[in-house]
Amino acid sequence: MLYFKTFVSENNNEWITFIHGAGGSSSIWFKQIKNFKSYFNLLLIDLKGHGKSKNIDLDDDDNLDSTNIQIIGVLDHLKINKSHFVGVSLGTILMLKLAKTHAHRINKMIMCGAITSFNKRTVILYNLANFLKNIITPISLYKLFAYIMMPRKNHKDSRLLFVKEAKKIKIKTFRKWLELLNEVKSTVEDLSKINYEIPTLFISGKEDHMFVKKVEKFVSENKNCLLEKISKCGHVVNINKPYIFNKLSLNFLKEKDEKSKNTSV
């Protein structure tokens, strides 16, 4: 079973499940735990090969669907029938797939640095990854991608944290995740055509140059989705601007009735 950590209070009835991105781990949510655990029970999961699940090797047939089955397996183990979900980057793709296959297990979703479609820049990056993955070391490739996706000085903290976590991943595990790039691309293309019923808040940095425009389009086409765009912030809002991320997220999760709107902060 995947490694997981919980924060449980007798005063809280609802759960939040946190899903990190590729190369990260549950440690990327350290700026959320203190605020969120005051209102919700928290479940933090390390995906296969990441964080404290780093010794759980990916099988040859592992893919995004099997990863979601593993996530649901943790919820089943803990007897959590329904949860809010918060994810970042690749974690948002997994959540969108869960919304398609396991909607009955989800209350609300929060997407940080969401990937909802590929633009021209992303396609170039995708093609570059496929070209370089057998030429340079996985961690060198990851560092390059981290810099391309989070290039500015004010993105440094999130960039360095993801690289630090990525260095802990085994080479063979890294290569397996890179092999899933083709599935990631096709999954994003398929999911962008689906209308979602689950109340979802997207929180994107205005400087998330790879993805924010496509997120705007996705939100405009799905009535139950909201978008908050954060100034002077890149791909990983929960690290770049934790105070704003926490405030927006908790307000959204505690609201009973949602009204569709797009705002900027």
Protein backbone atom coordinates (compact mmCIF):
# COMPACT_ATOMS: atom_id res chain seq x y z
CA MET A 1 0.00 0.00 0.00
CA LEU A 2 1.08 3.57 -0.63
CA TYR A 3 2.59 5.47 2.27
CA PHE A 4 0.13 7.86 3.84
CA LYS A 5 -0.09 10.18 6.81
CA THR A 6 -3.23 11.43 8.52
CA PHE A 7 -4.15 14.31 10.79
CA VAL A 8 -7.39 13.48 12.56
CA SER A 9 -9.43 15.52 15.03
CA GLU A 10 -12.54 14.48 16.93
CA ASN A 11 -14.03 17.86 15.99
CA ASN A 12 -13.75 17.28 12.23
CA ASN A 13 -16.10 15.15 10.16
CA GLU A 14 -14.90 15.86 6.63
CA TRP A 15 -11.68 14.70 4.99
CA ILE A 16 -9.26 16.29 2.53
CA THR A 17 -7.00 14.04 0.44
CA PHE A 18 -3.84 15.69 -0.92
CA ILE A 19 -2.24 14.48 -4.17
CA HIS A 20 1.22 15.74 -5.10
CA GLY A 21 2.75 16.09 -8.57
CA ALA A 22 5.40 14.12 -10.47
CA GLY A 23 8.74 14.23 -8.69
CA GLY A 24 7.20 15.68 -5.53
CA SER A 25 5.88 14.08 -2.35
CA SER A 26 3.37 14.78 0.38
CA SER A 27 5.96 17.09 1.96
CA ILE A 28 5.02 19.84 -0.54
CA TRP A 29 1.87 20.47 1.52
CA PHE A 30 3.78 21.50 4.66
CA LYS A 31 2.51 25.09 4.36
CA GLN A 32 -1.10 23.88 4.36
CA ILE A 33 -1.24 21.40 7.23
CA LYS A 34 -1.47 23.80 10.17
CA ASN A 35 -4.36 25.81 8.68
CA PHE A 36 -6.29 22.95 7.11
CA LYS A 37 -6.20 20.54 10.06
CA SER A 38 -8.14 23.02 12.16
CA TYR A 39 -11.21 22.41 10.01
CA PHE A 40 -10.76 19.02 8.31
CA ASN A 41 -9.21 15.61 8.76
CA LEU A 42 -6.22 15.39 6.42
CA LEU A 43 -4.90 12.49 4.34
CA LEU A 44 -1.52 12.99 2.64
CA ILE A 45 -0.41 10.31 0.18
CA ASP A 46 2.96 9.57 -1.44
CA LEU A 47 2.54 8.08 -4.92
CA LYS A 48 4.56 5.03 -5.94
CA GLY A 49 8.28 5.75 -6.11
CA HIS A 50 7.87 9.14 -4.40
CA GLY A 51 8.59 10.32 -0.86
CA LYS A 52 8.16 7.54 1.68
CA SER A 53 6.67 5.31 -1.05
CA LYS A 54 10.02 5.48 -2.88
CA ASN A 55 10.73 1.79 -2.26
CA ILE A 56 7.43 0.74 -3.83
CA ASP A 57 8.48 0.10 -7.41
CA LEU A 58 6.17 0.76 -10.35
CA ASP A 59 5.03 -2.38 -12.14
CA ASP A 60 5.29 -2.67 -15.91
CA ASP A 61 1.53 -2.24 -16.23
CA ASP A 62 1.25 0.72 -13.85
CA ASN A 63 -0.47 3.74 -15.37
CA LEU A 64 -2.66 6.67 -14.31
CA ASP A 65 -5.70 4.43 -13.79
CA SER A 66 -3.82 2.00 -11.55
CA THR A 67 -2.40 4.97 -9.63
CA ASN A 68 -5.93 6.14 -8.92
CA ILE A 69 -6.93 2.66 -7.83
CA GLN A 70 -4.04 2.78 -5.35
CA ILE A 71 -5.26 6.16 -4.05
CA ILE A 72 -8.81 4.85 -3.61
CA GLY A 73 -7.29 1.80 -1.91
CA VAL A 74 -5.90 4.06 0.82
CA LEU A 75 -9.32 5.67 1.31
CA ASP A 76 -10.91 2.23 1.52
CA HIS A 77 -8.30 1.10 4.06
CA LEU A 78 -9.13 4.12 6.23
CA LYS A 79 -12.89 3.66 5.65
CA ILE A 80 -13.18 7.14 4.13
CA ASN A 81 -16.29 7.01 1.97
CA LYS A 82 -16.02 10.53 0.61
CA SER A 83 -13.36 13.22 0.64
CA HIS A 84 -12.44 16.62 -0.71
CA PHE A 85 -9.38 16.40 -2.96
CA VAL A 86 -6.54 18.90 -3.33
CA GLY A 87 -3.89 18.33 -5.98
CA VAL A 88 -1.02 20.02 -7.79
CA SER A 89 0.26 19.59 -11.36
CA LEU A 90 0.12 15.85 -12.26
CA GLY A 91 -2.05 15.41 -9.18
CA THR A 92 -4.75 17.49 -10.89
CA ILE A 93 -4.78 15.11 -13.87
CA LEU A 94 -5.26 12.18 -11.51
CA MET A 95 -8.10 14.04 -9.81
CA LEU A 96 -9.83 14.82 -13.10
CA LYS A 97 -9.70 11.11 -13.93
CA LEU A 98 -11.09 10.31 -10.47
CA ALA A 99 -13.92 12.75 -11.12
CA LYS A 100 -14.79 10.68 -14.17
CA THR A 101 -14.49 7.22 -12.57
CA HIS A 102 -15.11 7.80 -8.84
CA ALA A 103 -17.26 10.93 -8.62
CA HIS A 104 -19.22 9.38 -5.76
CA ARG A 105 -16.06 9.47 -3.61
CA ILE A 106 -15.44 13.21 -4.09
CA ASN A 107 -17.04 16.22 -2.38
CA LYS A 108 -15.13 19.16 -3.85
CA MET A 109 -11.82 19.54 -5.67
CA ILE A 110 -9.08 22.17 -5.57
CA MET A 111 -6.66 22.24 -8.49
CA CYS A 112 -3.31 23.97 -7.92
CA GLY A 113 -1.21 24.56 -11.03
CA ALA A 114 -3.72 22.49 -12.98
CA ILE A 115 -2.97 20.83 -16.30
CA THR A 116 -6.15 20.79 -18.37
CA SER A 117 -4.72 20.93 -21.89
CA PHE A 118 -1.45 21.25 -23.79
CA ASN A 119 -0.56 24.51 -25.53
CA LYS A 120 2.19 24.89 -28.13
CA ARG A 121 4.85 25.37 -25.46
CA THR A 122 3.71 22.28 -23.60
CA VAL A 123 3.76 20.18 -26.77
CA ILE A 124 7.34 21.33 -27.45
CA LEU A 125 8.29 20.38 -23.88
CA TYR A 126 6.55 17.03 -24.26
CA ASN A 127 8.43 16.30 -27.50
CA LEU A 128 11.70 17.41 -25.91
CA ALA A 129 11.13 15.03 -22.99
CA ASN A 130 10.57 12.11 -25.32
CA PHE A 131 13.73 13.00 -27.23
CA LEU A 132 15.98 13.49 -24.19
CA LYS A 133 14.71 10.83 -21.79
CA ASN A 134 17.22 8.22 -23.03
CA ILE A 135 20.06 10.70 -23.55
CA ILE A 136 20.45 12.55 -20.24
CA THR A 137 19.87 11.43 -16.67
CA PRO A 138 16.29 11.64 -15.39
CA ILE A 139 17.18 14.13 -12.65
CA SER A 140 18.94 16.39 -15.19
CA LEU A 141 15.83 16.25 -17.35
CA TYR A 142 13.64 17.02 -14.33
CA LYS A 143 15.80 20.01 -13.36
CA LEU A 144 15.53 21.33 -16.90
CA PHE A 145 11.74 20.98 -16.89
CA ALA A 146 11.45 22.54 -13.44
CA TYR A 147 13.36 25.59 -14.65
CA ILE A 148 11.33 25.88 -17.86
CA MET A 149 8.03 25.61 -15.96
CA MET A 150 9.10 27.78 -13.01
CA PRO A 151 11.73 30.16 -14.44
CA ARG A 152 11.38 33.33 -12.39
CA LYS A 153 13.23 34.36 -9.26
CA ASN A 154 10.01 34.32 -7.22
CA HIS A 155 9.41 30.69 -8.32
CA LYS A 156 12.71 29.57 -6.78
CA ASP A 157 11.34 28.07 -3.54
CA SER A 158 8.87 25.78 -5.30
CA ARG A 159 11.41 24.87 -8.01
CA LEU A 160 14.09 23.91 -5.48
CA LEU A 161 11.65 21.95 -3.30
CA PHE A 162 10.47 19.83 -6.22
CA VAL A 163 14.03 19.18 -7.38
CA LYS A 164 15.06 18.25 -3.83
CA GLU A 165 12.24 15.69 -3.62
CA ALA A 166 12.94 14.40 -7.13
CA LYS A 167 16.54 13.58 -6.21
CA LYS A 168 15.23 10.93 -3.81
CA ILE A 169 13.52 8.97 -6.59
CA LYS A 170 15.17 5.85 -8.01
CA ILE A 171 16.36 6.12 -11.62
CA LYS A 172 14.26 3.18 -12.80
CA THR A 173 11.18 4.71 -11.17
CA PHE A 174 11.88 8.04 -12.85
CA ARG A 175 12.17 6.34 -16.22
CA LYS A 176 8.86 4.55 -15.68
CA TRP A 177 7.09 7.83 -14.88
CA LEU A 178 8.65 9.36 -18.01
CA GLU A 179 7.22 6.45 -20.02
CA LEU A 180 3.77 7.62 -18.89
CA LEU A 181 4.16 10.94 -20.74
CA ASN A 182 2.28 9.60 -23.75
CA GLU A 183 -0.62 8.56 -21.52
CA VAL A 184 -0.57 11.93 -19.76
CA LYS A 185 -0.90 13.76 -23.07
CA SER A 186 -3.75 11.58 -24.36
CA THR A 187 -5.50 11.72 -20.97
CA VAL A 188 -5.40 15.52 -20.89
CA GLU A 189 -6.83 15.67 -24.40
CA ASP A 190 -9.68 13.32 -23.47
CA LEU A 191 -10.49 14.97 -20.12
CA SER A 192 -10.69 18.44 -21.65
CA LYS A 193 -13.83 17.34 -23.52
CA ILE A 194 -15.76 16.27 -20.40
CA ASN A 195 -18.19 18.44 -18.44
CA TYR A 196 -17.68 18.10 -14.70
CA GLU A 197 -20.40 18.24 -12.07
CA ILE A 198 -18.18 18.30 -8.98
CA PRO A 199 -17.63 21.82 -7.53
CA THR A 200 -14.03 22.63 -8.39
CA LEU A 201 -11.78 25.56 -7.59
CA PHE A 202 -8.75 26.16 -9.80
CA ILE A 203 -5.97 28.26 -8.25
CA SER A 204 -3.35 29.24 -10.82
CA GLY A 205 -0.49 31.68 -10.84
CA LYS A 206 -0.72 34.41 -13.46
CA GLU A 207 2.90 33.52 -14.28
CA ASP A 208 2.08 29.84 -14.91
CA HIS A 209 2.87 30.43 -18.57
CA MET A 210 2.55 26.77 -19.60
CA PHE A 211 -1.00 26.17 -18.40
CA VAL A 212 -3.01 29.14 -17.09
CA LYS A 213 -4.59 30.12 -20.44
CA LYS A 214 -5.86 26.59 -21.00
CA VAL A 215 -7.24 26.52 -17.45
CA GLU A 216 -9.19 29.71 -18.18
CA LYS A 217 -10.77 28.04 -21.21
CA PHE A 218 -11.59 24.87 -19.27
CA VAL A 219 -13.27 26.81 -16.47
CA SER A 220 -15.33 28.87 -18.93
CA GLU A 221 -16.74 25.64 -20.38
CA ASN A 222 -17.62 23.96 -17.07
CA LYS A 223 -20.33 25.61 -14.98
CA ASN A 224 -19.27 24.10 -11.64
CA CYS A 225 -15.69 25.37 -11.92
CA LEU A 226 -14.21 28.56 -10.46
CA LEU A 227 -10.84 30.13 -11.16
CA GLU A 228 -8.63 32.29 -8.96
CA LYS A 229 -5.52 33.74 -10.63
CA ILE A 230 -2.75 34.86 -8.30
CA SER A 231 -0.39 37.71 -9.18
CA LYS A 232 3.39 37.29 -9.07
CA CYS A 233 2.98 33.54 -8.79
CA GLY A 234 3.96 30.56 -10.95
CA HIS A 235 2.97 26.92 -11.26
CA VAL A 236 2.96 25.94 -7.57
CA VAL A 237 0.73 28.45 -5.80
CA ASN A 238 0.53 26.56 -2.51
CA ILE A 239 4.27 27.13 -2.01
CA ASN A 240 4.68 30.52 -3.74
CA LYS A 241 1.72 32.16 -1.99
CA PRO A 242 0.58 29.83 0.80
CA TYR A 243 -1.43 32.44 2.72
CA ILE A 244 -3.57 33.27 -0.31
CA PHE A 245 -3.85 29.62 -1.36
CA ASN A 246 -4.94 28.53 2.12
CA LYS A 247 -7.48 31.33 2.51
CA LEU A 248 -9.09 30.77 -0.91
CA SER A 249 -9.13 27.00 -0.46
CA LEU A 250 -10.65 26.98 3.01
CA ASN A 251 -13.29 29.55 2.07
CA PHE A 252 -14.26 27.40 -0.91
CA LEU A 253 -14.36 24.15 1.05
CA LYS A 254 -16.44 25.65 3.85
CA GLU A 255 -18.99 27.31 1.57
CA LYS A 256 -22.28 25.51 1.14
CA ASP A 257 -23.44 27.12 -2.08
CA GLU A 258 -21.09 28.05 -4.91
CA LYS A 259 -21.54 30.78 -7.49
CA SER A 260 -19.56 30.64 -10.70
CA LYS A 261 -17.08 33.45 -11.07
CA ASN A 262 -13.56 34.16 -12.31
CA THR A 263 -11.43 36.48 -10.22
CA SER A 264 -7.86 37.67 -9.93
CA VAL A 265 -5.86 38.43 -6.81
